[in-house]
Amino acid sequence: MSEKVLLVDDEKEFLEIMSERMTARGMVVTTTDSADKALSILKKESFDAIVMDFQMPGMDGMEALKAIKNLKPELQIILLTGYATVEKTVEAMKIGATDFLEKPADLEALSEKIKNAKTEKMLIVEKQMEEKIKDILQRHGG
């Protein structure tokens, strides 16, 4: 099954090129050019992974990361940056970023990270379902 990815970057040309290359690898890609738009898309759709630029106008990567994790904690977020600092990377990982890649993103490495993110999300969702089932069984004496 194809990985479903939300690609978020304020650089239109980068979005087009990456989207084409990811689609050619069999991924289903939705693109948007801002974190605000990404949040409204996330309220309506489900994704295996989000690949998001860390430096964008408006809502920055850290704010967006917090907002996305509040909305959908199971989502796997891979941050792209041209200006990675150790402090920012550590802070983002603590908030819940799955991974980091420096721009220009190597498509092989990114594809691998997306596949891993999809697997991780599936495990989290599976665990959440198990917890719900256990809870239901306990409440109903099963």
Protein backbone atom coordinates (compact mmCIF):
# COMPACT_ATOMS: atom_id res chain seq x y z
CA MET A 1 0.00 0.00 0.00
CA SER A 2 1.23 3.51 -0.86
CA GLU A 3 2.47 5.90 1.78
CA LYS A 4 0.15 8.89 2.12
CA VAL A 5 2.23 12.02 2.70
CA LEU A 6 1.46 15.67 3.40
CA LEU A 7 4.28 17.84 2.08
CA VAL A 8 4.43 21.34 3.60
CA ASP A 9 6.85 23.98 2.30
CA ASP A 10 6.57 27.66 1.40
CA GLU A 11 8.79 27.20 -1.69
CA LYS A 12 6.37 26.37 -4.53
CA GLU A 13 9.08 25.04 -6.86
CA PHE A 14 10.40 22.71 -4.15
CA LEU A 15 6.85 21.44 -3.51
CA GLU A 16 6.30 20.68 -7.19
CA ILE A 17 9.62 18.89 -7.71
CA MET A 18 9.42 16.84 -4.49
CA SER A 19 5.78 15.98 -5.07
CA GLU A 20 6.53 14.72 -8.59
CA ARG A 21 9.52 12.69 -7.41
CA MET A 22 7.63 11.19 -4.44
CA THR A 23 4.59 10.38 -6.63
CA ALA A 24 6.93 8.65 -9.11
CA ARG A 25 7.98 6.42 -6.20
CA GLY A 26 4.40 5.39 -5.61
CA MET A 27 3.53 7.75 -2.77
CA VAL A 28 0.24 9.61 -2.57
CA VAL A 29 1.25 13.22 -1.98
CA THR A 30 -0.80 16.23 -0.90
CA THR A 31 1.01 19.57 -0.87
CA THR A 32 0.43 22.88 0.85
CA ASP A 33 2.51 26.01 1.28
CA SER A 34 1.81 26.90 4.93
CA ALA A 35 1.45 25.33 8.35
CA ASP A 36 -1.98 26.93 8.79
CA LYS A 37 -3.26 25.27 5.62
CA ALA A 38 -1.65 21.98 6.70
CA LEU A 39 -3.60 22.07 9.97
CA SER A 40 -6.91 22.56 8.17
CA ILE A 41 -6.08 19.68 5.79
CA LEU A 42 -5.22 17.47 8.78
CA LYS A 43 -8.65 18.09 10.29
CA LYS A 44 -10.22 16.48 7.20
CA GLU A 45 -7.67 13.89 6.05
CA SER A 46 -5.35 11.25 7.44
CA PHE A 47 -1.70 10.79 6.49
CA ASP A 48 1.07 8.30 7.23
CA ALA A 49 3.66 11.06 7.49
CA ILE A 50 4.11 14.79 7.22
CA VAL A 51 7.24 16.20 5.61
CA MET A 52 7.43 19.84 6.67
CA ASP A 53 9.83 22.72 6.19
CA PHE A 54 11.03 24.00 9.55
CA GLN A 55 11.56 27.62 8.43
CA MET A 56 8.37 29.08 7.01
CA PRO A 57 6.72 32.50 7.17
CA GLY A 58 3.75 32.73 9.51
CA MET A 59 3.61 29.77 11.86
CA ASP A 60 7.15 28.43 12.27
CA GLY A 61 8.12 24.76 12.44
CA MET A 62 8.12 24.56 16.24
CA GLU A 63 4.62 26.08 16.56
CA ALA A 64 3.31 23.91 13.73
CA LEU A 65 4.84 20.79 15.30
CA LYS A 66 3.10 21.50 18.63
CA ALA A 67 -0.24 22.22 16.92
CA ILE A 68 -0.08 19.05 14.80
CA LYS A 69 0.89 16.86 17.77
CA ASN A 70 -2.04 18.32 19.75
CA LEU A 71 -4.41 17.60 16.87
CA LYS A 72 -3.10 14.12 15.94
CA PRO A 73 -0.49 12.76 18.38
CA GLU A 74 0.07 9.60 16.34
CA LEU A 75 1.24 11.54 13.28
CA GLN A 76 4.84 11.10 12.23
CA ILE A 77 6.51 14.37 11.31
CA ILE A 78 9.76 14.64 9.36
CA LEU A 79 11.20 18.15 9.43
CA LEU A 80 13.24 19.61 6.58
CA THR A 81 15.60 22.46 7.21
CA GLY A 82 18.38 24.36 5.56
CA TYR A 83 19.51 25.69 8.93
CA ALA A 84 19.65 22.79 11.35
CA THR A 85 21.00 23.64 14.78
CA VAL A 86 21.54 21.05 17.47
CA GLU A 87 19.34 22.96 19.96
CA LYS A 88 16.42 23.27 17.52
CA THR A 89 16.73 19.62 16.50
CA VAL A 90 16.71 18.43 20.12
CA GLU A 91 13.79 20.71 20.99
CA ALA A 92 11.79 19.51 17.96
CA MET A 93 12.47 15.85 18.80
CA LYS A 94 11.28 16.44 22.39
CA ILE A 95 8.04 17.97 21.08
CA GLY A 96 7.48 14.97 18.87
CA ALA A 97 9.25 15.29 15.53
CA THR A 98 10.01 11.83 14.16
CA ASP A 99 13.08 12.83 12.21
CA PHE A 100 15.09 15.63 10.63
CA LEU A 101 16.61 16.02 7.18
CA GLU A 102 18.71 18.87 5.87
CA LYS A 103 17.79 20.53 2.58
CA PRO A 104 18.32 19.68 -0.17
CA ALA A 105 16.62 16.46 0.92
CA ASP A 106 18.07 13.23 -0.43
CA LEU A 107 15.06 11.41 -1.90
CA GLU A 108 16.39 7.95 -0.97
CA ALA A 109 16.86 8.96 2.67
CA LEU A 110 13.49 10.74 2.73
CA SER A 111 11.67 7.75 1.21
CA GLU A 112 13.20 5.48 3.83
CA LYS A 113 12.20 7.86 6.65
CA ILE A 114 8.63 8.03 5.29
CA LYS A 115 8.37 4.21 5.15
CA ASN A 116 9.66 4.02 8.74
CA ALA A 117 7.21 6.75 9.80
CA LYS A 118 4.29 4.83 8.27
CA THR A 119 5.31 1.68 10.16
CA GLU A 120 5.66 3.62 13.41
CA LYS A 121 2.25 5.28 12.97
CA MET A 122 0.65 1.89 12.28
CA LEU A 123 2.16 0.51 15.50
CA ILE A 124 0.88 3.49 17.51
CA VAL A 125 -2.62 3.23 16.03
CA GLU A 126 -2.64 -0.54 16.63
CA LYS A 127 -1.64 0.00 20.27
CA GLN A 128 -4.36 2.66 20.66
CA MET A 129 -6.94 0.21 19.29
CA GLU A 130 -5.76 -2.51 21.68
CA GLU A 131 -6.10 -0.07 24.59
CA LYS A 132 -9.63 0.88 23.48
CA ILE A 133 -10.63 -2.79 23.16
CA LYS A 134 -9.20 -3.60 26.62
CA ASP A 135 -11.04 -0.60 28.07
CA ILE A 136 -14.34 -1.65 26.48
CA LEU A 137 -13.93 -5.24 27.66
CA GLN A 138 -13.14 -4.11 31.21
CA ARG A 139 -16.14 -1.77 31.31
CA HIS A 140 -18.47 -4.44 29.98
CA GLY A 141 -17.12 -7.32 32.00
CA GLY A 142 -15.57 -9.16 29.04
